[in-house]
Amino acid sequence: MKHLISIIVLIIFSLPLASQNMEKAQIEKIIDSMFKPIDNPSSPGVAITVLQNEKVIAKKSYGLSNLEHSISFTHQSPVRLGYSGTREFMCVGLALMEADGLLSFDDKVKKYFPKLPVWSEKVTIQDLLNHSSGFDDEWATMLLMQADMNNRVDKEQLLTLLYNQPKPQVEPSKGYMYSNSDFALLRFIMEMASQKNLPDYLHQKLFAPLGMNATIMNDRLEQIIPGLAENYYGYEYYFKEVGVKTSPGGNYRMVTTASDLEKWAIAVEDSTSMVSKAIRLLYKDARPIPVLSPEAHYVFGHEWQKIEGLDIIKHGGVNHDFYMTRIPSMKITIIGLGNSSTNMTAAMSLADIILNKKEKKGNTVPTANPSSINTKEWANYTGRYFQQNKPGHSSHIPKITFYDIKMESDSLHFYYTSNDFFTMMPIGENLFKDPDYGAIIQIKRQHPDSTMKMQIWPPDGSLKNFSKSKVVVNNSKTYLEQFTGEYHSEHLDFYCRVVFNDNGQLVIRRPTIAEKPLIPDGENRFLFESDGFYVVAVFTKNQKGNVDGIKMQHVRMMHHRFEKVK
């Protein structure tokens, strides 16, 4: 998909600027010839619109909005956007409230919620917009008590969580940690200030005046939306996305269409429109997410990049699910709305080609050579390999990703969870292949004293780097025995136990979740999996050297303490 869009735009925009205003039919004929491959009964859809000087110069749609019933995807197909991908609309509504005097970005959050803890006295609405409040992330904290993020969290649960929070996750007004609780509080505040349900306010104040009649804030999943496009994931073979989080911090999802986004794009470009004025208010005291670079991504859904010396602005979420890209100096706006993440990359790739962005050289995949296979080294490849992750948008803490390589029955097995693995297919010296998905894996060290490295080339052409762990693991029962016992979180009023299971493995046991193995990761430090995240559990000791508690941490939880029950 991305490759096809790039070719189309290269054809259209490699022409002199005056020729870019060629007839609509002529442009669409070119696009038609290139998008035939996805215009079939087995592909999710996409609607593409290119505007220049606020006028449509290309507009085509392809694929299906529903694969089961073969319903075509059009510019009128409603799509439910992702969570952070829709913050722009909610935040523009917030700025309209400030412009109307209903609230101020400098308002203290405790003004609206007096029961919030004393440490939050100085936290403002602007801090919520910058994710510098210090409030717990609702989903990350609830994962300590629940099996996954798709469990329902209601307003009272969240407020109780925040009212009882003993200390900030980061320094208020200065630190940074991505917290969905911030946007839950924003919604509550907006509804208190406007005295209206937020979907009603956004419709009356924002969407209806712009003529965006198909755009709604979809906070109720039970709501019937005629023609709603199903969301899919995959490549060639597709699966329906069914996991949807329901909580105050996630209930600001928007449903929109490519046709409505045209109206949004024109309002954004028009410096006299209420939308453009509201966006200028949002930028007034905003700061980019400090852990991301070189791009400047603002929490309200704008990402600024430089391409060939020109500014481009991408509209969407922190996971790069962009639906609109603008090149202000060229008065060009690109809309790419689809019902798969692959198709939603349209807007991003179009801008790259328009500005003749020089493509980075691809990662060279080692050549298979079966004659050079050396099984004598395989035993040295075993161990745990951690991905060399950089901090993402959540915080300064990198997400933990690791895999285990084990020798079993004269074969190397690649464990991507504690129970799931595949047998590595040798295709050359130090070189293996995932027989199911085609990824190429190379394991080697530069010289005898260096750390063993693993590189993985997935079929998408990316490259992932891993280093073998140097941590010396102490699995003796005498050592592990000291960590057993019952622990209590005063904040959550929740208990967990650390025990040996029937197989002699140290596990964390909670009343509502299947027990999780505690994976040694250093002195007094363990990891355990929680709905796709690895939580770090650090056992603390008192002055006598006895274990007195556990500090939990991951990318959206700087610290959460469980005290050992005496």
Protein backbone atom coordinates (compact mmCIF):
# COMPACT_ATOMS: atom_id res chain seq x y z
CA MET A 1 0.00 0.00 0.00
CA LYS A 2 2.66 2.49 1.02
CA HIS A 3 4.69 1.67 -2.08
CA LEU A 4 1.69 2.21 -4.37
CA ILE A 5 0.86 5.60 -2.89
CA SER A 6 4.48 6.70 -3.23
CA ILE A 7 4.51 5.87 -6.94
CA ILE A 8 1.25 7.73 -7.56
CA VAL A 9 2.41 10.88 -5.87
CA LEU A 10 5.78 10.68 -7.57
CA ILE A 11 3.93 10.74 -10.91
CA ILE A 12 1.63 13.60 -9.96
CA PHE A 13 3.96 15.83 -8.01
CA SER A 14 7.11 15.42 -10.03
CA LEU A 15 5.37 17.70 -12.53
CA PRO A 16 6.00 21.46 -12.36
CA LEU A 17 3.89 23.17 -9.69
CA ALA A 18 1.63 24.79 -12.31
CA SER A 19 0.82 21.33 -13.68
CA GLN A 20 -0.36 20.10 -10.29
CA ASN A 21 -3.73 21.75 -11.00
CA MET A 22 -4.36 19.31 -13.82
CA GLU A 23 -7.92 18.13 -14.34
CA LYS A 24 -9.41 15.99 -11.60
CA ALA A 25 -10.35 13.20 -14.02
CA GLN A 26 -6.79 13.01 -15.32
CA ILE A 27 -5.32 12.70 -11.83
CA GLU A 28 -7.83 10.09 -10.75
CA LYS A 29 -7.16 8.04 -13.87
CA ILE A 30 -3.49 7.82 -12.85
CA ILE A 31 -4.43 6.86 -9.29
CA ASP A 32 -6.90 4.26 -10.56
CA SER A 33 -4.22 2.53 -12.59
CA MET A 34 -2.00 2.16 -9.52
CA PHE A 35 -4.53 1.16 -6.86
CA LYS A 36 -6.08 -1.76 -8.68
CA PRO A 37 -4.09 -4.30 -6.58
CA ILE A 38 -5.99 -3.45 -3.38
CA ASP A 39 -9.35 -2.89 -5.03
CA ASN A 40 -10.36 -6.52 -4.58
CA PRO A 41 -12.77 -8.58 -2.43
CA SER A 42 -10.12 -9.53 0.12
CA SER A 43 -8.55 -6.18 1.08
CA PRO A 44 -9.51 -3.58 3.67
CA GLY A 45 -10.16 -0.16 2.21
CA VAL A 46 -8.82 3.36 2.06
CA ALA A 47 -10.09 6.75 0.93
CA ILE A 48 -7.51 9.26 -0.28
CA THR A 49 -8.00 12.96 -0.85
CA VAL A 50 -5.36 15.45 -1.91
CA LEU A 51 -6.13 19.16 -1.52
CA GLN A 52 -4.13 22.18 -2.63
CA ASN A 53 -5.13 25.72 -1.73
CA GLU A 54 -8.15 24.18 0.04
CA LYS A 55 -9.39 22.68 -3.24
CA VAL A 56 -9.66 18.95 -3.97
CA ILE A 57 -7.29 17.88 -6.75
CA ALA A 58 -7.52 14.10 -6.28
CA LYS A 59 -10.10 11.92 -4.59
CA LYS A 60 -10.38 8.13 -4.85
CA SER A 61 -11.32 5.17 -2.66
CA TYR A 62 -10.48 1.47 -2.85
CA GLY A 63 -11.04 -1.83 -1.08
CA LEU A 64 -13.73 -2.88 1.36
CA SER A 65 -15.16 -1.48 4.55
CA ASN A 66 -16.42 -4.95 5.51
CA LEU A 67 -14.66 -8.08 4.26
CA GLU A 68 -17.38 -10.47 5.42
CA HIS A 69 -20.12 -8.78 3.41
CA SER A 70 -18.04 -7.28 0.57
CA ILE A 71 -19.12 -3.70 1.24
CA SER A 72 -17.07 -1.12 -0.65
CA PHE A 73 -15.01 1.46 1.20
CA THR A 74 -15.90 5.05 0.22
CA HIS A 75 -15.29 8.61 1.37
CA GLN A 76 -18.56 8.25 3.28
CA SER A 77 -17.49 5.10 5.15
CA PRO A 78 -17.41 5.85 8.91
CA VAL A 79 -14.18 4.72 10.61
CA ARG A 80 -13.61 4.49 14.36
CA LEU A 81 -10.23 6.12 14.93
CA GLY A 82 -7.79 4.95 17.60
CA TYR A 83 -7.47 6.43 21.06
CA SER A 84 -4.66 8.99 20.92
CA GLY A 85 -5.36 9.42 17.21
CA THR A 86 -8.51 11.39 18.00
CA ARG A 87 -7.23 13.77 20.67
CA GLU A 88 -7.05 16.66 18.22
CA PHE A 89 -10.85 16.92 18.09
CA MET A 90 -11.31 16.75 21.86
CA CYS A 91 -8.53 19.27 22.48
CA VAL A 92 -9.91 21.74 19.94
CA GLY A 93 -13.18 21.50 21.89
CA LEU A 94 -11.24 22.24 25.09
CA ALA A 95 -9.66 25.33 23.49
CA LEU A 96 -13.09 26.53 22.37
CA MET A 97 -14.19 26.36 26.00
CA GLU A 98 -11.26 28.53 27.04
CA ALA A 99 -12.04 31.01 24.25
CA ASP A 100 -15.63 31.18 25.52
CA GLY A 101 -14.48 31.70 29.12
CA LEU A 102 -15.89 28.43 30.38
CA LEU A 103 -12.50 27.38 31.76
CA SER A 104 -8.83 28.33 31.65
CA PHE A 105 -5.82 26.19 30.84
CA ASP A 106 -4.33 27.64 34.06
CA ASP A 107 -7.18 26.29 36.19
CA LYS A 108 -6.06 24.01 38.98
CA VAL A 109 -7.46 20.49 38.61
CA LYS A 110 -8.29 20.42 42.33
CA LYS A 111 -10.72 23.26 41.65
CA TYR A 112 -12.90 20.65 39.96
CA PHE A 113 -11.94 17.67 42.13
CA PRO A 114 -11.16 18.85 45.69
CA LYS A 115 -10.62 15.26 46.88
CA LEU A 116 -7.45 14.88 44.80
CA PRO A 117 -4.34 14.45 46.98
CA VAL A 118 -2.47 17.39 48.49
CA TRP A 119 0.58 16.82 46.28
CA SER A 120 -1.55 17.70 43.21
CA GLU A 121 -2.48 21.21 44.40
CA LYS A 122 -0.50 22.95 41.65
CA VAL A 123 -1.49 20.63 38.78
CA THR A 124 -3.29 22.58 36.02
CA ILE A 125 -5.33 21.74 32.95
CA GLN A 126 -2.22 22.60 30.91
CA ASP A 127 -0.31 19.93 32.84
CA LEU A 128 -2.95 17.40 31.81
CA LEU A 129 -2.45 18.49 28.20
CA ASN A 130 1.33 18.03 28.54
CA HIS A 131 1.16 14.72 30.46
CA SER A 132 3.10 16.38 33.27
CA SER A 133 0.47 15.96 35.98
CA GLY A 134 2.03 13.06 37.88
CA PHE A 135 -1.30 11.19 38.00
CA ASP A 136 -1.31 7.40 37.62
CA ASP A 137 -2.11 5.98 34.21
CA GLU A 138 -5.42 4.23 34.75
CA TRP A 139 -4.72 1.21 32.55
CA ALA A 140 -1.17 0.61 33.72
CA THR A 141 -2.15 0.67 37.39
CA MET A 142 -5.32 -1.36 36.94
CA LEU A 143 -3.23 -4.06 35.27
CA LEU A 144 -1.87 -4.90 38.70
CA MET A 145 -5.38 -6.08 39.60
CA GLN A 146 -6.89 -7.13 36.26
CA ALA A 147 -6.03 -9.59 33.54
CA ASP A 148 -5.89 -7.15 30.62
CA MET A 149 -6.53 -3.60 29.45
CA ASN A 150 -9.84 -4.50 27.81
CA ASN A 151 -11.60 -4.81 31.15
CA ARG A 152 -14.12 -2.08 31.90
CA VAL A 153 -13.04 0.74 34.22
CA ASP A 154 -15.74 3.20 35.36
CA LYS A 155 -15.54 6.80 36.48
CA GLU A 156 -15.78 6.08 40.20
CA GLN A 157 -13.03 3.46 40.03
CA LEU A 158 -10.71 5.91 38.34
CA LEU A 159 -11.45 8.79 40.73
CA THR A 160 -10.93 6.50 43.73
CA LEU A 161 -7.59 5.47 42.24
CA LEU A 162 -6.51 9.11 41.84
CA TYR A 163 -7.92 10.32 45.17
CA ASN A 164 -5.86 7.68 46.99
CA GLN A 165 -2.64 8.14 45.00
CA PRO A 166 0.06 8.59 47.69
CA LYS A 167 2.64 10.43 45.57
CA PRO A 168 3.09 11.64 41.99
CA GLN A 169 4.50 9.34 39.34
CA VAL A 170 6.61 12.26 38.03
CA GLU A 171 7.26 15.76 39.35
CA PRO A 172 4.08 17.76 38.68
CA SER A 173 4.40 20.43 35.96
CA LYS A 174 7.97 19.32 35.17
CA GLY A 175 8.18 15.56 34.61
CA TYR A 176 6.63 13.50 31.85
CA MET A 177 4.72 10.21 31.78
CA TYR A 178 1.99 9.34 29.30
CA SER A 179 -1.19 8.97 31.34
CA ASN A 180 -4.66 8.24 30.00
CA SER A 181 -6.01 9.43 33.35
CA ASP A 182 -5.06 12.96 32.29
CA PHE A 183 -7.52 12.80 29.41
CA ALA A 184 -10.18 11.22 31.59
CA LEU A 185 -9.88 14.22 33.90
CA LEU A 186 -9.97 16.57 30.90
CA ARG A 187 -13.24 15.03 29.80
CA PHE A 188 -14.76 15.30 33.27
CA ILE A 189 -13.65 18.94 33.54
CA MET A 190 -15.01 19.80 30.09
CA GLU A 191 -18.39 18.33 31.00
CA MET A 192 -18.46 20.22 34.31
CA ALA A 193 -17.48 23.50 32.63
CA SER A 194 -19.96 23.21 29.74
CA GLN A 195 -22.68 21.47 31.77
CA LYS A 196 -23.12 19.15 28.79
CA ASN A 197 -22.22 15.60 27.89
CA LEU A 198 -19.01 15.92 25.86
CA PRO A 199 -20.30 14.15 22.69
CA ASP A 200 -23.23 16.61 22.65
CA TYR A 201 -20.96 19.61 23.19
CA LEU A 202 -18.57 18.62 20.40
CA HIS A 203 -21.46 18.00 18.02
CA GLN A 204 -23.19 21.31 18.75
CA LYS A 205 -20.13 23.53 19.03
CA LEU A 206 -17.70 21.94 16.60
CA PHE A 207 -18.88 19.28 14.19
CA ALA A 208 -22.34 20.62 13.25
CA PRO A 209 -21.10 24.17 12.45
CA LEU A 210 -18.42 22.66 10.18
CA GLY A 211 -20.94 20.43 8.45
CA MET A 212 -19.16 17.30 9.73
CA ASN A 213 -22.45 15.48 10.10
CA ALA A 214 -20.94 11.98 10.08
CA THR A 215 -18.39 12.75 12.83
CA ILE A 216 -19.26 11.84 16.41
CA MET A 217 -17.54 11.21 19.70
CA ASN A 218 -18.16 7.48 20.05
CA ASP A 219 -17.97 6.94 23.80
CA ARG A 220 -20.53 4.12 23.82
CA LEU A 221 -19.48 0.99 21.97
CA GLU A 222 -23.11 -0.20 21.96
CA GLN A 223 -24.11 2.72 19.77
CA ILE A 224 -25.33 1.69 16.31
CA ILE A 225 -23.39 3.53 13.59
CA PRO A 226 -24.83 2.75 10.14
CA GLY A 227 -22.16 1.57 7.71
CA LEU A 228 -19.35 1.58 10.30
CA ALA A 229 -16.21 0.11 8.68
CA GLU A 230 -14.74 -2.87 10.50
CA ASN A 231 -11.11 -2.47 11.50
CA TYR A 232 -8.67 -5.17 10.37
CA TYR A 233 -5.03 -6.06 10.84
CA GLY A 234 -2.68 -8.33 8.97
CA TYR A 235 -1.07 -8.55 5.56
CA GLU A 236 -2.67 -10.51 2.68
CA TYR A 237 -4.53 -12.52 5.35
CA TYR A 238 -6.61 -10.27 7.59
CA PHE A 239 -8.14 -10.53 11.04
CA LYS A 240 -10.78 -8.38 12.68
CA GLU A 241 -9.72 -6.08 15.52
CA VAL A 242 -11.94 -6.85 18.48
CA GLY A 243 -10.07 -5.61 21.57
CA VAL A 244 -11.54 -2.27 22.66
CA LYS A 245 -10.70 -0.60 25.96
CA THR A 246 -13.64 0.86 27.85
CA SER A 247 -12.65 3.37 30.50
CA PRO A 248 -12.82 7.11 31.23
CA GLY A 249 -9.35 7.59 29.76
CA GLY A 250 -10.29 5.81 26.55
CA ASN A 251 -13.86 6.91 25.99
CA TYR A 252 -13.03 9.82 23.72
CA ARG A 253 -12.85 7.79 20.50
CA MET A 254 -14.13 9.55 17.38
CA VAL A 255 -15.89 8.18 14.32
CA THR A 256 -15.40 10.15 11.12
CA THR A 257 -15.28 9.85 7.34
CA ALA A 258 -12.82 10.99 4.70
CA SER A 259 -15.45 13.43 3.41
CA ASP A 260 -15.79 15.02 6.85
CA LEU A 261 -12.02 15.25 7.15
CA GLU A 262 -11.99 17.43 4.03
CA LYS A 263 -14.06 19.96 5.94
CA TRP A 264 -11.76 19.64 8.94
CA ALA A 265 -8.70 20.17 6.76
CA ILE A 266 -10.13 23.35 5.23
CA ALA A 267 -10.98 24.70 8.69
CA VAL A 268 -7.47 23.95 9.95
CA GLU A 269 -5.91 25.82 7.01
CA ASP A 270 -8.25 28.83 7.29
CA SER A 271 -6.55 31.17 9.78
CA THR A 272 -9.88 32.89 10.50
CA SER A 273 -11.81 29.72 11.40
CA MET A 274 -12.67 28.76 14.97
CA VAL A 275 -10.66 25.54 14.55
CA SER A 276 -7.50 27.35 13.49
CA LYS A 277 -7.85 29.85 16.36
CA ALA A 278 -8.39 27.01 18.83
CA ILE A 279 -5.27 25.22 17.60
CA ARG A 280 -3.23 28.38 18.14
CA LEU A 281 -4.46 28.41 21.75
CA LEU A 282 -3.35 24.80 22.17
CA TYR A 283 0.16 25.64 21.02
CA LYS A 284 0.47 28.66 23.33
CA ASP A 285 1.92 26.82 26.34
CA ALA A 286 2.25 23.31 24.92
CA ARG A 287 5.49 21.38 24.99
CA PRO A 288 6.44 18.50 22.70
CA ILE A 289 6.68 15.05 24.24
CA PRO A 290 10.20 15.33 25.70
CA VAL A 291 11.24 11.70 25.16
CA LEU A 292 10.64 11.76 21.39
CA SER A 293 13.07 13.09 18.81
CA PRO A 294 13.81 14.34 16.24
CA GLU A 295 10.10 14.89 15.60
CA ALA A 296 8.11 17.24 17.85
CA HIS A 297 4.94 15.39 18.83
CA TYR A 298 2.33 17.24 20.85
CA VAL A 299 -0.11 15.31 23.02
CA PHE A 300 -3.07 16.96 21.27
CA GLY A 301 -2.27 15.02 18.10
CA HIS A 302 0.15 17.03 15.96
CA GLU A 303 3.61 15.84 14.96
CA TRP A 304 6.05 18.25 13.31
CA GLN A 305 8.82 16.95 11.08
CA LYS A 306 11.38 18.46 8.74
CA ILE A 307 11.64 16.93 5.28
CA GLU A 308 14.07 18.44 2.80
CA GLY A 309 14.08 21.65 4.87
CA LEU A 310 10.29 22.06 4.90
CA ASP A 311 7.90 21.67 7.83
CA ILE A 312 5.23 19.00 7.59
CA ILE A 313 2.52 18.48 10.19
CA LYS A 314 0.98 15.05 10.70
CA HIS A 315 -2.35 14.70 12.46
CA GLY A 316 -2.97 11.56 14.50
CA GLY A 317 -1.76 9.57 17.47
CA VAL A 318 1.49 8.69 19.16
CA ASN A 319 1.46 5.28 17.44
CA HIS A 320 1.77 7.05 14.06
CA ASP A 321 -1.81 6.26 13.05
CA PHE A 322 -2.01 9.48 11.03
CA TYR A 323 -5.12 10.40 9.06
CA MET A 324 -3.97 13.78 7.69
CA THR A 325 -0.70 15.41 6.68
CA ARG A 326 -0.17 19.06 5.83
CA ILE A 327 2.67 20.82 4.04
CA PRO A 328 1.87 24.45 4.93
CA SER A 329 4.42 26.10 2.63
CA MET A 330 2.93 24.29 -0.38
CA LYS A 331 -0.71 24.64 0.77
CA ILE A 332 -1.06 20.87 0.36
CA THR A 333 -3.15 18.62 2.61
CA ILE A 334 -3.37 14.85 2.25
CA ILE A 335 -6.11 12.77 3.84
CA GLY A 336 -5.69 9.00 4.13
CA LEU A 337 -8.44 7.25 6.06
CA GLY A 338 -8.73 3.48 6.09
CA ASN A 339 -9.80 0.50 8.14
CA SER A 340 -6.36 -1.12 8.53
CA SER A 341 -3.16 0.28 10.00
CA THR A 342 -1.34 -0.41 6.72
CA ASN A 343 -3.75 1.73 4.75
CA MET A 344 -3.63 4.48 7.37
CA THR A 345 0.02 5.12 6.49
CA ALA A 346 -1.12 6.76 3.25
CA ALA A 347 -0.92 10.37 4.43
CA MET A 348 2.58 9.90 5.86
CA SER A 349 4.10 8.30 2.77
CA LEU A 350 2.51 10.76 0.35
CA ALA A 351 4.19 13.73 1.98
CA ASP A 352 7.58 12.03 1.87
CA ILE A 353 7.36 11.61 -1.89
CA ILE A 354 5.98 15.08 -2.55
CA LEU A 355 9.02 16.56 -0.85
CA ASN A 356 11.40 14.11 -2.56
CA LYS A 357 12.56 12.70 0.75
CA LYS A 358 15.65 10.60 0.17
CA GLU A 359 14.92 7.06 1.24
CA LYS A 360 17.27 5.48 3.72
CA LYS A 361 19.13 2.47 2.42
CA GLY A 362 17.42 -0.72 3.39
CA ASN A 363 18.93 -3.17 5.84
CA THR A 364 21.01 -5.76 4.01
CA VAL A 365 19.79 -9.25 4.86
CA PRO A 366 22.58 -11.86 5.08
CA THR A 367 22.64 -14.39 2.25
CA ALA A 368 21.75 -17.97 3.08
CA ASN A 369 24.57 -20.50 2.58
CA PRO A 370 23.58 -23.99 3.82
CA SER A 371 27.07 -25.37 3.13
CA SER A 372 28.54 -23.17 5.90
CA ILE A 373 26.29 -24.38 8.74
CA ASN A 374 28.34 -25.06 11.89
CA THR A 375 26.38 -26.77 14.66
CA LYS A 376 29.34 -26.76 17.08
CA GLU A 377 28.63 -23.14 18.04
CA TRP A 378 24.94 -23.57 18.70
CA ALA A 379 25.30 -24.17 22.44
CA ASN A 380 26.90 -20.71 22.73
CA TYR A 381 23.84 -19.08 21.20
CA THR A 382 21.52 -20.10 24.03
CA GLY A 383 20.40 -17.51 26.53
CA ARG A 384 18.12 -14.51 26.94
CA TYR A 385 18.32 -11.69 24.41
CA PHE A 386 16.96 -8.24 25.24
CA GLN A 387 15.97 -5.84 22.48
CA GLN A 388 17.97 -2.63 22.39
CA ASN A 389 14.85 -0.49 22.73
CA LYS A 390 14.89 3.28 22.85
CA PRO A 391 12.38 5.14 25.03
CA GLY A 392 9.03 5.44 23.30
CA HIS A 393 6.25 7.96 23.77
CA SER A 394 5.21 6.62 27.19
CA SER A 395 8.15 7.78 29.32
CA HIS A 396 11.94 7.84 29.57
CA ILE A 397 11.87 4.11 30.38
CA PRO A 398 12.31 1.79 27.35
CA LYS A 399 9.78 -0.98 26.90
CA ILE A 400 11.23 -4.37 27.84
CA THR A 401 11.27 -6.95 25.03
CA PHE A 402 13.22 -10.19 25.21
CA TYR A 403 13.34 -13.69 23.73
CA ASP A 404 14.94 -16.90 24.94
CA ILE A 405 17.05 -19.22 22.77
CA LYS A 406 17.15 -22.78 24.12
CA MET A 407 18.88 -25.95 22.94
CA GLU A 408 16.46 -28.86 22.99
CA SER A 409 16.82 -32.22 21.20
CA ASP A 410 19.82 -31.01 19.18
CA SER A 411 17.79 -28.09 17.83
CA LEU A 412 17.64 -24.42 18.73
CA HIS A 413 14.23 -23.19 19.81
CA PHE A 414 13.20 -19.54 19.75
CA TYR A 415 10.86 -18.77 22.69
CA TYR A 416 8.82 -15.60 22.17
CA THR A 417 6.79 -16.33 25.33
CA SER A 418 7.48 -18.73 28.18
CA ASN A 419 5.43 -21.42 26.41
CA ASP A 420 5.37 -20.51 22.70
CA PHE A 421 8.31 -21.23 20.44
CA PHE A 422 9.40 -22.25 16.97
CA THR A 423 12.31 -24.44 15.87
CA MET A 424 14.96 -22.29 14.21
CA MET A 425 15.77 -23.44 10.67
CA PRO A 426 19.55 -23.24 9.98
CA ILE A 427 20.31 -21.64 6.59
CA GLY A 428 23.97 -20.66 7.00
CA GLU A 429 26.74 -19.93 9.50
CA ASN A 430 25.17 -18.11 12.49
CA LEU A 431 22.06 -17.76 10.34
CA PHE A 432 18.52 -19.09 10.91
CA LYS A 433 15.00 -18.64 9.60
CA ASP A 434 11.59 -18.58 11.22
CA PRO A 435 9.87 -21.28 9.13
CA ASP A 436 6.39 -19.86 9.75
CA TYR A 437 6.80 -16.12 9.08
CA GLY A 438 10.06 -15.94 7.16
CA ALA A 439 12.07 -13.72 9.52
CA ILE A 440 15.86 -14.10 9.21
CA ILE A 441 17.83 -14.40 12.47
CA GLN A 442 21.58 -13.96 12.86
CA ILE A 443 23.43 -14.66 16.12
CA LYS A 444 27.10 -13.85 16.49
CA ARG A 445 29.74 -11.90 18.40
CA GLN A 446 32.32 -9.59 16.83
CA HIS A 447 35.22 -11.13 18.77
CA PRO A 448 35.53 -13.74 21.56
CA ASP A 449 35.33 -11.18 24.39
CA SER A 450 32.33 -9.25 23.07
CA THR A 451 28.66 -9.73 23.95
CA MET A 452 26.66 -12.11 21.79
CA LYS A 453 24.32 -10.18 19.50
CA MET A 454 21.14 -11.23 17.73
CA GLN A 455 19.68 -9.44 14.72
CA ILE A 456 16.23 -10.16 13.29
CA TRP A 457 15.06 -9.12 9.82
CA PRO A 458 11.24 -9.44 9.63
CA PRO A 459 9.64 -9.71 6.15
CA ASP A 460 8.69 -6.00 6.29
CA GLY A 461 12.35 -5.03 5.78
CA SER A 462 12.97 -3.63 9.26
CA LEU A 463 15.85 -4.64 11.53
CA LYS A 464 15.69 -5.44 15.24
CA ASN A 465 18.82 -5.62 17.40
CA PHE A 466 19.20 -7.70 20.55
CA SER A 467 22.00 -8.29 23.07
CA LYS A 468 22.48 -11.40 25.16
CA SER A 469 21.87 -10.74 28.85
CA LYS A 470 24.96 -10.67 31.08
CA VAL A 471 22.90 -10.99 34.25
CA VAL A 472 23.99 -13.87 36.45
CA VAL A 473 20.78 -15.58 37.52
CA ASN A 474 20.58 -17.11 40.98
CA ASN A 475 17.83 -19.73 40.87
CA SER A 476 18.68 -21.47 44.13
CA LYS A 477 15.72 -22.13 46.36
CA THR A 478 17.60 -20.69 49.34
CA TYR A 479 17.98 -17.37 47.54
CA LEU A 480 14.42 -17.27 46.19
CA GLU A 481 12.85 -18.27 49.51
CA GLN A 482 13.43 -14.80 51.00
CA PHE A 483 11.00 -13.21 48.52
CA THR A 484 8.01 -15.41 49.37
CA GLY A 485 5.16 -13.97 51.40
CA GLU A 486 2.10 -11.75 51.21
CA TYR A 487 2.27 -8.14 49.98
CA HIS A 488 -0.27 -5.33 50.18
CA SER A 489 -0.78 -2.14 48.15
CA GLU A 490 -2.31 0.49 50.43
CA HIS A 491 -3.10 2.61 47.37
CA LEU A 492 -5.22 -0.12 45.72
CA ASP A 493 -6.12 -1.98 48.93
CA PHE A 494 -5.05 -5.07 47.02
CA TYR A 495 -3.05 -8.14 48.03
CA CYS A 496 -0.70 -10.41 46.13
CA ARG A 497 1.39 -13.37 47.21
CA VAL A 498 4.79 -14.56 46.07
CA VAL A 499 4.99 -18.35 46.34
CA PHE A 500 6.55 -21.43 44.82
CA ASN A 501 4.20 -23.27 42.48
CA ASP A 502 3.98 -27.05 42.15
CA ASN A 503 6.95 -27.03 39.76
CA GLY A 504 9.16 -25.19 42.24
CA GLN A 505 9.00 -21.94 40.23
CA LEU A 506 8.67 -18.59 41.99
CA VAL A 507 5.41 -16.92 40.90
CA ILE A 508 3.30 -13.91 41.77
CA ARG A 509 -0.26 -14.92 42.64
CA ARG A 510 -3.17 -12.46 42.65
CA PRO A 511 -6.83 -13.23 43.38
CA THR A 512 -8.20 -12.23 39.95
CA ILE A 513 -5.34 -13.15 37.58
CA ALA A 514 -3.63 -16.39 36.62
CA GLU A 515 -0.29 -16.69 38.39
CA LYS A 516 2.72 -15.24 36.58
CA PRO A 517 6.28 -16.58 36.74
CA LEU A 518 8.80 -14.21 38.30
CA ILE A 519 11.75 -14.13 35.92
CA PRO A 520 15.10 -13.33 37.65
CA ASP A 521 16.68 -10.25 36.09
CA GLY A 522 19.38 -9.22 38.57
CA GLU A 523 19.94 -8.88 42.29
CA ASN A 524 16.52 -8.75 44.02
CA ARG A 525 14.98 -7.87 40.62
CA PHE A 526 12.42 -9.87 38.63
CA LEU A 527 10.18 -9.48 35.59
CA PHE A 528 6.64 -10.69 35.03
CA GLU A 529 4.36 -10.36 32.01
CA SER A 530 1.14 -8.37 32.19
CA ASP A 531 -1.01 -8.01 29.04
CA GLY A 532 1.93 -7.49 26.71
CA PHE A 533 3.99 -5.40 29.13
CA TYR A 534 6.85 -6.66 31.27
CA VAL A 535 6.55 -5.28 34.78
CA VAL A 536 9.76 -4.87 36.78
CA ALA A 537 9.40 -6.08 40.37
CA VAL A 538 12.24 -4.88 42.61
CA PHE A 539 12.24 -6.32 46.13
CA THR A 540 13.40 -3.83 48.74
CA LYS A 541 15.05 -4.60 52.08
CA ASN A 542 15.13 -2.91 55.47
CA GLN A 543 18.22 -2.05 57.49
CA LYS A 544 18.38 -5.59 58.82
CA GLY A 545 18.57 -6.95 55.26
CA ASN A 546 15.11 -8.47 55.32
CA VAL A 547 12.70 -8.09 52.39
CA ASP A 548 10.07 -5.47 53.28
CA GLY A 549 8.28 -4.71 50.00
CA ILE A 550 8.11 -4.67 46.20
CA LYS A 551 8.43 -1.66 43.91
CA MET A 552 6.62 -2.18 40.59
CA GLN A 553 7.64 -0.30 37.47
CA HIS A 554 7.18 -0.20 33.69
CA VAL A 555 6.89 2.41 30.93
CA ARG A 556 3.68 3.94 32.34
CA MET A 557 4.28 3.28 36.02
CA MET A 558 7.34 4.84 37.59
CA HIS A 559 6.72 3.34 41.01
CA HIS A 560 3.97 1.47 42.81
CA ARG A 561 4.74 -0.05 46.19
CA PHE A 562 3.49 -3.22 47.84
CA GLU A 563 4.46 -3.56 51.52
CA LYS A 564 5.28 -7.02 52.87
CA VAL A 565 2.67 -8.18 55.37
CA LYS A 566 4.29 -9.15 58.65
